[in-house]
PDB file of N, CA and C in Angstrom:
ATOM      1  N   MET A   1     -17.928  20.355 -28.802  1.00  0.00           N
ATOM      2  CA  MET A   1     -18.654  19.461 -27.912  1.00  0.00           C
ATOM      3  C   MET A   1     -18.550  18.026 -28.413  1.00  0.00           C
ATOM      4  N   ALA A   2     -18.619  17.832 -29.714  1.00  0.00           N
ATOM      5  CA  ALA A   2     -18.504  16.484 -30.269  1.00  0.00           C
ATOM      6  C   ALA A   2     -17.117  15.913 -30.004  1.00  0.00           C
ATOM      7  N   HIS A   3     -16.111  16.789 -29.982  1.00  0.00           N
ATOM      8  CA  HIS A   3     -14.748  16.329 -29.721  1.00  0.00           C
ATOM      9  C   HIS A   3     -14.632  15.729 -28.314  1.00  0.00           C
ATOM     10  N   ALA A   4     -15.250  16.352 -27.327  1.00  0.00           N
ATOM     11  CA  ALA A   4     -15.211  15.827 -25.963  1.00  0.00           C
ATOM     12  C   ALA A   4     -15.849  14.447 -25.909  1.00  0.00           C
ATOM     13  N   HIS A   5     -16.909  14.271 -26.664  1.00  0.00           N
ATOM     14  CA  HIS A   5     -17.574  12.970 -26.695  1.00  0.00           C
ATOM     15  C   HIS A   5     -16.644  11.906 -27.284  1.00  0.00           C
ATOM     16  N   MET A   6     -15.909  12.271 -28.337  1.00  0.00           N
ATOM     17  CA  MET A   6     -15.001  11.301 -28.949  1.00  0.00           C
ATOM     18  C   MET A   6     -13.878  10.928 -27.984  1.00  0.00           C
ATOM     19  N   SER A   7     -13.342  11.893 -27.229  1.00  0.00           N
ATOM     20  CA  SER A   7     -12.241  11.562 -26.326  1.00  0.00           C
ATOM     21  C   SER A   7     -12.705  10.626 -25.216  1.00  0.00           C
ATOM     22  N   SER A   8     -13.938  10.799 -24.726  1.00  0.00           N
ATOM     23  CA  SER A   8     -14.422   9.878 -23.700  1.00  0.00           C
ATOM     24  C   SER A   8     -14.653   8.495 -24.297  1.00  0.00           C
ATOM     25  N   ALA A   9     -15.086   8.449 -25.545  1.00  0.00           N
ATOM     26  CA  ALA A   9     -15.258   7.156 -26.211  1.00  0.00           C
ATOM     27  C   ALA A   9     -13.895   6.494 -26.414  1.00  0.00           C
ATOM     28  N   ASP A  10     -12.890   7.301 -26.778  1.00  0.00           N
ATOM     29  CA  ASP A  10     -11.542   6.760 -26.950  1.00  0.00           C
ATOM     30  C   ASP A  10     -11.016   6.170 -25.643  1.00  0.00           C
ATOM     31  N   SER A  11     -11.244   6.870 -24.528  1.00  0.00           N
ATOM     32  CA  SER A  11     -10.761   6.347 -23.256  1.00  0.00           C
ATOM     33  C   SER A  11     -11.498   5.068 -22.889  1.00  0.00           C
ATOM     34  N   ALA A  12     -12.768   4.981 -23.244  1.00  0.00           N
ATOM     35  CA  ALA A  12     -13.525   3.756 -22.972  1.00  0.00           C
ATOM     36  C   ALA A  12     -12.942   2.603 -23.777  1.00  0.00           C
ATOM     37  N   VAL A  13     -12.545   2.881 -25.012  1.00  0.00           N
ATOM     38  CA  VAL A  13     -11.960   1.841 -25.858  1.00  0.00           C
ATOM     39  C   VAL A  13     -10.621   1.400 -25.278  1.00  0.00           C
ATOM     40  N   SER A  14      -9.777   2.355 -24.865  1.00  0.00           N
ATOM     41  CA  SER A  14      -8.474   1.979 -24.325  1.00  0.00           C
ATOM     42  C   SER A  14      -8.633   1.216 -23.009  1.00  0.00           C
ATOM     43  N   PHE A  15      -9.625   1.592 -22.210  1.00  0.00           N
ATOM     44  CA  PHE A  15      -9.876   0.855 -20.973  1.00  0.00           C
ATOM     45  C   PHE A  15     -10.311  -0.567 -21.304  1.00  0.00           C
ATOM     46  N   GLY A  16     -11.204  -0.704 -22.265  1.00  0.00           N
ATOM     47  CA  GLY A  16     -11.676  -2.030 -22.667  1.00  0.00           C
ATOM     48  C   GLY A  16     -10.538  -2.898 -23.168  1.00  0.00           C
ATOM     49  N   ALA A  17      -9.576  -2.306 -23.839  1.00  0.00           N
ATOM     50  CA  ALA A  17      -8.451  -3.069 -24.372  1.00  0.00           C
ATOM     51  C   ALA A  17      -7.520  -3.540 -23.256  1.00  0.00           C
ATOM     52  N   SER A  18      -7.443  -2.803 -22.148  1.00  0.00           N
ATOM     53  CA  SER A  18      -6.529  -3.180 -21.068  1.00  0.00           C
ATOM     54  C   SER A  18      -7.107  -4.267 -20.168  1.00  0.00           C
ATOM     55  N   VAL A  19      -8.408  -4.433 -20.160  1.00  0.00           N
ATOM     56  CA  VAL A  19      -9.033  -5.413 -19.268  1.00  0.00           C
ATOM     57  C   VAL A  19      -8.562  -6.835 -19.551  1.00  0.00           C
ATOM     58  N   PRO A  20      -8.549  -7.294 -20.794  1.00  0.00           N
ATOM     59  CA  PRO A  20      -8.089  -8.676 -21.026  1.00  0.00           C
ATOM     60  C   PRO A  20      -6.652  -8.904 -20.549  1.00  0.00           C
ATOM     61  N   LYS A  21      -5.769  -7.915 -20.717  1.00  0.00           N
ATOM     62  CA  LYS A  21      -4.387  -8.079 -20.256  1.00  0.00           C
ATOM     63  C   LYS A  21      -4.348  -8.212 -18.742  1.00  0.00           C
ATOM     64  N   THR A  22      -5.153  -7.428 -18.047  1.00  0.00           N
ATOM     65  CA  THR A  22      -5.203  -7.512 -16.592  1.00  0.00           C
ATOM     66  C   THR A  22      -5.708  -8.880 -16.170  1.00  0.00           C
ATOM     67  N   LYS A  23      -6.770  -9.348 -16.804  1.00  0.00           N
ATOM     68  CA  LYS A  23      -7.331 -10.663 -16.478  1.00  0.00           C
ATOM     69  C   LYS A  23      -6.308 -11.746 -16.779  1.00  0.00           C
ATOM     70  N   GLU A  24      -5.629 -11.614 -17.906  1.00  0.00           N
ATOM     71  CA  GLU A  24      -4.599 -12.589 -18.282  1.00  0.00           C
ATOM     72  C   GLU A  24      -3.502 -12.630 -17.215  1.00  0.00           C
ATOM     73  N   TYR A  25      -3.091 -11.450 -16.755  1.00  0.00           N
ATOM     74  CA  TYR A  25      -2.063 -11.383 -15.712  1.00  0.00           C
ATOM     75  C   TYR A  25      -2.567 -12.023 -14.419  1.00  0.00           C
ATOM     76  N   MET A  26      -3.772 -11.654 -13.995  1.00  0.00           N
ATOM     77  CA  MET A  26      -4.327 -12.203 -12.750  1.00  0.00           C
ATOM     78  C   MET A  26      -4.456 -13.725 -12.843  1.00  0.00           C
ATOM     79  N   ASP A  27      -4.892 -14.210 -13.983  1.00  0.00           N
ATOM     80  CA  ASP A  27      -5.032 -15.656 -14.171  1.00  0.00           C
ATOM     81  C   ASP A  27      -3.681 -16.367 -14.166  1.00  0.00           C
ATOM     82  N   SER A  28      -2.609 -15.640 -14.519  1.00  0.00           N
ATOM     83  CA  SER A  28      -1.282 -16.267 -14.586  1.00  0.00           C
ATOM     84  C   SER A  28      -0.625 -16.391 -13.208  1.00  0.00           C
ATOM     85  N   LEU A  29      -1.145 -15.673 -12.223  1.00  0.00           N
ATOM     86  CA  LEU A  29      -0.544 -15.728 -10.886  1.00  0.00           C
ATOM     87  C   LEU A  29      -0.748 -17.097 -10.257  1.00  0.00           C
ATOM     88  N   VAL A  30       0.252 -17.540  -9.502  1.00  0.00           N
ATOM     89  CA  VAL A  30       0.190 -18.842  -8.842  1.00  0.00           C
ATOM     90  C   VAL A  30       0.022 -18.607  -7.341  1.00  0.00           C
ATOM     91  N   ARG A  31      -0.944 -19.281  -6.756  1.00  0.00           N
ATOM     92  CA  ARG A  31      -1.163 -19.145  -5.311  1.00  0.00           C
ATOM     93  C   ARG A  31       0.010 -19.737  -4.548  1.00  0.00           C
ATOM     94  N   PRO A  32       0.388 -19.089  -3.443  1.00  0.00           N
ATOM     95  CA  PRO A  32       1.445 -19.688  -2.620  1.00  0.00           C
ATOM     96  C   PRO A  32       0.902 -20.925  -1.907  1.00  0.00           C
ATOM     97  N   SER A  33       1.802 -21.828  -1.568  1.00  0.00           N
ATOM     98  CA  SER A  33       1.382 -23.004  -0.802  1.00  0.00           C
ATOM     99  C   SER A  33       0.940 -22.544   0.587  1.00  0.00           C
ATOM    100  N   ARG A  34       0.301 -23.423   1.322  1.00  0.00           N
ATOM    101  CA  ARG A  34      -0.145 -23.073   2.681  1.00  0.00           C
ATOM    102  C   ARG A  34       1.051 -22.679   3.552  1.00  0.00           C
ATOM    103  N   ARG A  35       2.142 -23.416   3.407  1.00  0.00           N
ATOM    104  CA  ARG A  35       3.357 -23.125   4.184  1.00  0.00           C
ATOM    105  C   ARG A  35       3.917 -21.750   3.818  1.00  0.00           C
ATOM    106  N   GLN A  36       3.972 -21.443   2.506  1.00  0.00           N
ATOM    107  CA  GLN A  36       4.456 -20.134   2.069  1.00  0.00           C
ATOM    108  C   GLN A  36       3.538 -19.022   2.582  1.00  0.00           C
ATOM    109  N   PHE A  37       2.231 -19.258   2.506  1.00  0.00           N
ATOM    110  CA  PHE A  37       1.257 -18.267   2.953  1.00  0.00           C
ATOM    111  C   PHE A  37       1.443 -17.982   4.443  1.00  0.00           C
ATOM    112  N   GLU A  38       1.612 -19.042   5.236  1.00  0.00           N
ATOM    113  CA  GLU A  38       1.813 -18.869   6.681  1.00  0.00           C
ATOM    114  C   GLU A  38       3.107 -18.113   6.970  1.00  0.00           C
ATOM    115  N   HIS A  39       4.153 -18.396   6.191  1.00  0.00           N
ATOM    116  CA  HIS A  39       5.422 -17.684   6.359  1.00  0.00           C
ATOM    117  C   HIS A  39       5.241 -16.201   6.031  1.00  0.00           C
ATOM    118  N   ILE A  40       4.564 -15.906   4.935  1.00  0.00           N
ATOM    119  CA  ILE A  40       4.304 -14.517   4.542  1.00  0.00           C
ATOM    120  C   ILE A  40       3.519 -13.804   5.641  1.00  0.00           C
ATOM    121  N   ALA A  41       2.499 -14.469   6.176  1.00  0.00           N
ATOM    122  CA  ALA A  41       1.676 -13.878   7.239  1.00  0.00           C
ATOM    123  C   ALA A  41       2.516 -13.600   8.479  1.00  0.00           C
ATOM    124  N   GLN A  42       3.413 -14.517   8.823  1.00  0.00           N
ATOM    125  CA  GLN A  42       4.273 -14.338  10.002  1.00  0.00           C
ATOM    126  C   GLN A  42       5.220 -13.159   9.805  1.00  0.00           C
ATOM    127  N   VAL A  43       5.841 -13.076   8.633  1.00  0.00           N
ATOM    128  CA  VAL A  43       6.757 -11.970   8.346  1.00  0.00           C
ATOM    129  C   VAL A  43       5.999 -10.642   8.398  1.00  0.00           C
ATOM    130  N   GLN A  44       4.808 -10.615   7.814  1.00  0.00           N
ATOM    131  CA  GLN A  44       4.008  -9.394   7.821  1.00  0.00           C
ATOM    132  C   GLN A  44       3.658  -8.980   9.249  1.00  0.00           C
ATOM    133  N   GLN A  45       3.286  -9.943  10.072  1.00  0.00           N
ATOM    134  CA  GLN A  45       2.938  -9.644  11.464  1.00  0.00           C
ATOM    135  C   GLN A  45       4.148  -9.065  12.212  1.00  0.00           C
ATOM    136  N   GLU A  46       5.323  -9.648  11.989  1.00  0.00           N
ATOM    137  CA  GLU A  46       6.538  -9.143  12.634  1.00  0.00           C
ATOM    138  C   GLU A  46       6.835  -7.715  12.192  1.00  0.00           C
ATOM    139  N   LYS A  47       6.647  -7.431  10.903  1.00  0.00           N
ATOM    140  CA  LYS A  47       6.880  -6.077  10.398  1.00  0.00           C
ATOM    141  C   LYS A  47       5.908  -5.087  11.027  1.00  0.00           C
ATOM    142  N   GLU A  48       4.656  -5.501  11.207  1.00  0.00           N
ATOM    143  CA  GLU A  48       3.666  -4.618  11.826  1.00  0.00           C
ATOM    144  C   GLU A  48       4.020  -4.341  13.283  1.00  0.00           C
ATOM    145  N   VAL A  49       4.484  -5.361  14.000  1.00  0.00           N
ATOM    146  CA  VAL A  49       4.899  -5.178  15.398  1.00  0.00           C
ATOM    147  C   VAL A  49       6.072  -4.198  15.456  1.00  0.00           C
ATOM    148  N   GLN A  50       7.058  -4.376  14.579  1.00  0.00           N
ATOM    149  CA  GLN A  50       8.214  -3.479  14.551  1.00  0.00           C
ATOM    150  C   GLN A  50       7.794  -2.051  14.212  1.00  0.00           C
ATOM    151  N   ALA A  51       6.868  -1.897  13.268  1.00  0.00           N
ATOM    152  CA  ALA A  51       6.404  -0.560  12.883  1.00  0.00           C
ATOM    153  C   ALA A  51       5.700   0.120  14.052  1.00  0.00           C
ATOM    154  N   ARG A  52       4.875  -0.639  14.784  1.00  0.00           N
ATOM    155  CA  ARG A  52       4.200  -0.059  15.959  1.00  0.00           C
ATOM    156  C   ARG A  52       5.222   0.339  17.022  1.00  0.00           C
ATOM    157  N   ARG A  53       6.232  -0.513  17.226  1.00  0.00           N
ATOM    158  CA  ARG A  53       7.273  -0.216  18.217  1.00  0.00           C
ATOM    159  C   ARG A  53       8.034   1.054  17.830  1.00  0.00           C
ATOM    160  N   ARG A  54       8.420   1.158  16.542  1.00  0.00           N
ATOM    161  CA  ARG A  54       9.133   2.357  16.083  1.00  0.00           C
ATOM    162  C   ARG A  54       8.270   3.607  16.247  1.00  0.00           C
ATOM    163  N   ALA A  55       6.984   3.504  15.913  1.00  0.00           N
ATOM    164  CA  ALA A  55       6.081   4.653  16.044  1.00  0.00           C
ATOM    165  C   ALA A  55       5.953   5.066  17.505  1.00  0.00           C
ATOM    166  N   ARG A  56       5.849   4.088  18.396  1.00  0.00           N
ATOM    167  CA  ARG A  56       5.735   4.369  19.830  1.00  0.00           C
ATOM    168  C   ARG A  56       7.012   5.066  20.334  1.00  0.00           C
ATOM    169  N   GLU A  57       8.185   4.552  19.923  1.00  0.00           N
ATOM    170  CA  GLU A  57       9.455   5.161  20.334  1.00  0.00           C
ATOM    171  C   GLU A  57       9.578   6.579  19.779  1.00  0.00           C
ATOM    172  N   HIS A  58       9.138   6.771  18.549  1.00  0.00           N
ATOM    173  CA  HIS A  58       9.199   8.094  17.925  1.00  0.00           C
ATOM    174  C   HIS A  58       8.316   9.081  18.696  1.00  0.00           C
ATOM    175  N   ARG A  59       7.097   8.652  19.043  1.00  0.00           N
ATOM    176  CA  ARG A  59       6.197   9.520  19.821  1.00  0.00           C
ATOM    177  C   ARG A  59       6.800   9.831  21.185  1.00  0.00           C
ATOM    178  N   ARG A  60       7.402   8.816  21.809  1.00  0.00           N
ATOM    179  CA  ARG A  60       8.011   9.006  23.132  1.00  0.00           C
ATOM    180  C   ARG A  60       9.156  10.018  23.054  1.00  0.00           C
ATOM    181  N   ARG A  61      10.016   9.882  22.031  1.00  0.00           N
ATOM    182  CA  ARG A  61      11.132  10.823  21.866  1.00  0.00           C
ATOM    183  C   ARG A  61      10.620  12.235  21.592  1.00  0.00           C
ATOM    184  N   ARG A  62       9.580  12.334  20.753  1.00  0.00           N
ATOM    185  CA  ARG A  62       9.028  13.649  20.426  1.00  0.00           C
ATOM    186  C   ARG A  62       8.453  14.323  21.665  1.00  0.00           C
ATOM    187  N   SER A  63       7.701  13.567  22.462  1.00  0.00           N
ATOM    188  CA  SER A  63       7.100  14.170  23.654  1.00  0.00           C
ATOM    189  C   SER A  63       8.178  14.510  24.682  1.00  0.00           C
ATOM    190  N   ALA A  64       9.228  13.704  24.774  1.00  0.00           N
ATOM    191  CA  ALA A  64      10.325  13.993  25.704  1.00  0.00           C
ATOM    192  C   ALA A  64      11.059  15.257  25.273  1.00  0.00           C
ATOM    193  N   SER A  65      11.317  15.417  23.982  1.00  0.00           N
ATOM    194  CA  SER A  65      12.025  16.614  23.511  1.00  0.00           C
ATOM    195  C   SER A  65      11.125  17.841  23.619  1.00  0.00           C
ATOM    196  N   ALA A  66       9.834  17.688  23.462  1.00  0.00           N
ATOM    197  CA  ALA A  66       8.908  18.814  23.597  1.00  0.00           C
ATOM    198  C   ALA A  66       8.854  19.277  25.046  1.00  0.00           C
ATOM    199  N   SER A  67       8.834  18.346  25.992  1.00  0.00           N
ATOM    200  CA  SER A  67       8.784  18.736  27.406  1.00  0.00           C
ATOM    201  C   SER A  67      10.113  19.341  27.847  1.00  0.00           C
ATOM    202  N   THR A  68      11.220  18.889  27.289  1.00  0.00           N
ATOM    203  CA  THR A  68      12.535  19.442  27.615  1.00  0.00           C
ATOM    204  C   THR A  68      12.656  20.865  27.083  1.00  0.00           C
ATOM    205  N   SER A  69      12.192  21.094  25.855  1.00  0.00           N
ATOM    206  CA  SER A  69      12.312  22.424  25.253  1.00  0.00           C
ATOM    207  C   SER A  69      11.328  23.411  25.862  1.00  0.00           C
ATOM    208  N   SER A  70      10.243  22.961  26.458  1.00  0.00           N
ATOM    209  CA  SER A  70       9.266  23.877  27.048  1.00  0.00           C
ATOM    210  C   SER A  70       9.671  24.329  28.447  1.00  0.00           C
ATOM    211  N   ARG A  71      10.655  23.675  29.050  1.00  0.00           N
ATOM    212  CA  ARG A  71      11.114  24.070  30.395  1.00  0.00           C
ATOM    213  C   ARG A  71      11.801  25.430  30.380  1.00  0.00           C
ATOM    214  N   GLY A  72      12.562  25.688  29.340  1.00  0.00           N
ATOM    215  CA  GLY A  72      13.273  26.963  29.239  1.00  0.00           C
ATOM    216  C   GLY A  72      14.567  26.943  30.020  1.00  0.00           C
ATOM    217  N   PRO A  73      15.333  28.063  30.006  1.00  0.00           N
ATOM    218  CA  PRO A  73      16.643  28.109  30.677  1.00  0.00           C
ATOM    219  C   PRO A  73      16.559  28.239  32.178  1.00  0.00           C
TER     220      PRO A  73
END
């Protein structure tokens, strides 16, 4: 039972040691300029539109093939 307690304490120590590195990394990140941010947002929006279009086409093809196969010979 004491061993289980030590392993949880060890994981707490290793977690505590990783926090400063994470903070250091987050602090090192540079914000994009407003122009870069707007470009990123536009590209993301276009990707979402394309993904919705592909999903819609996929559903349409699936339902068309399901109705064709259910007709029988």
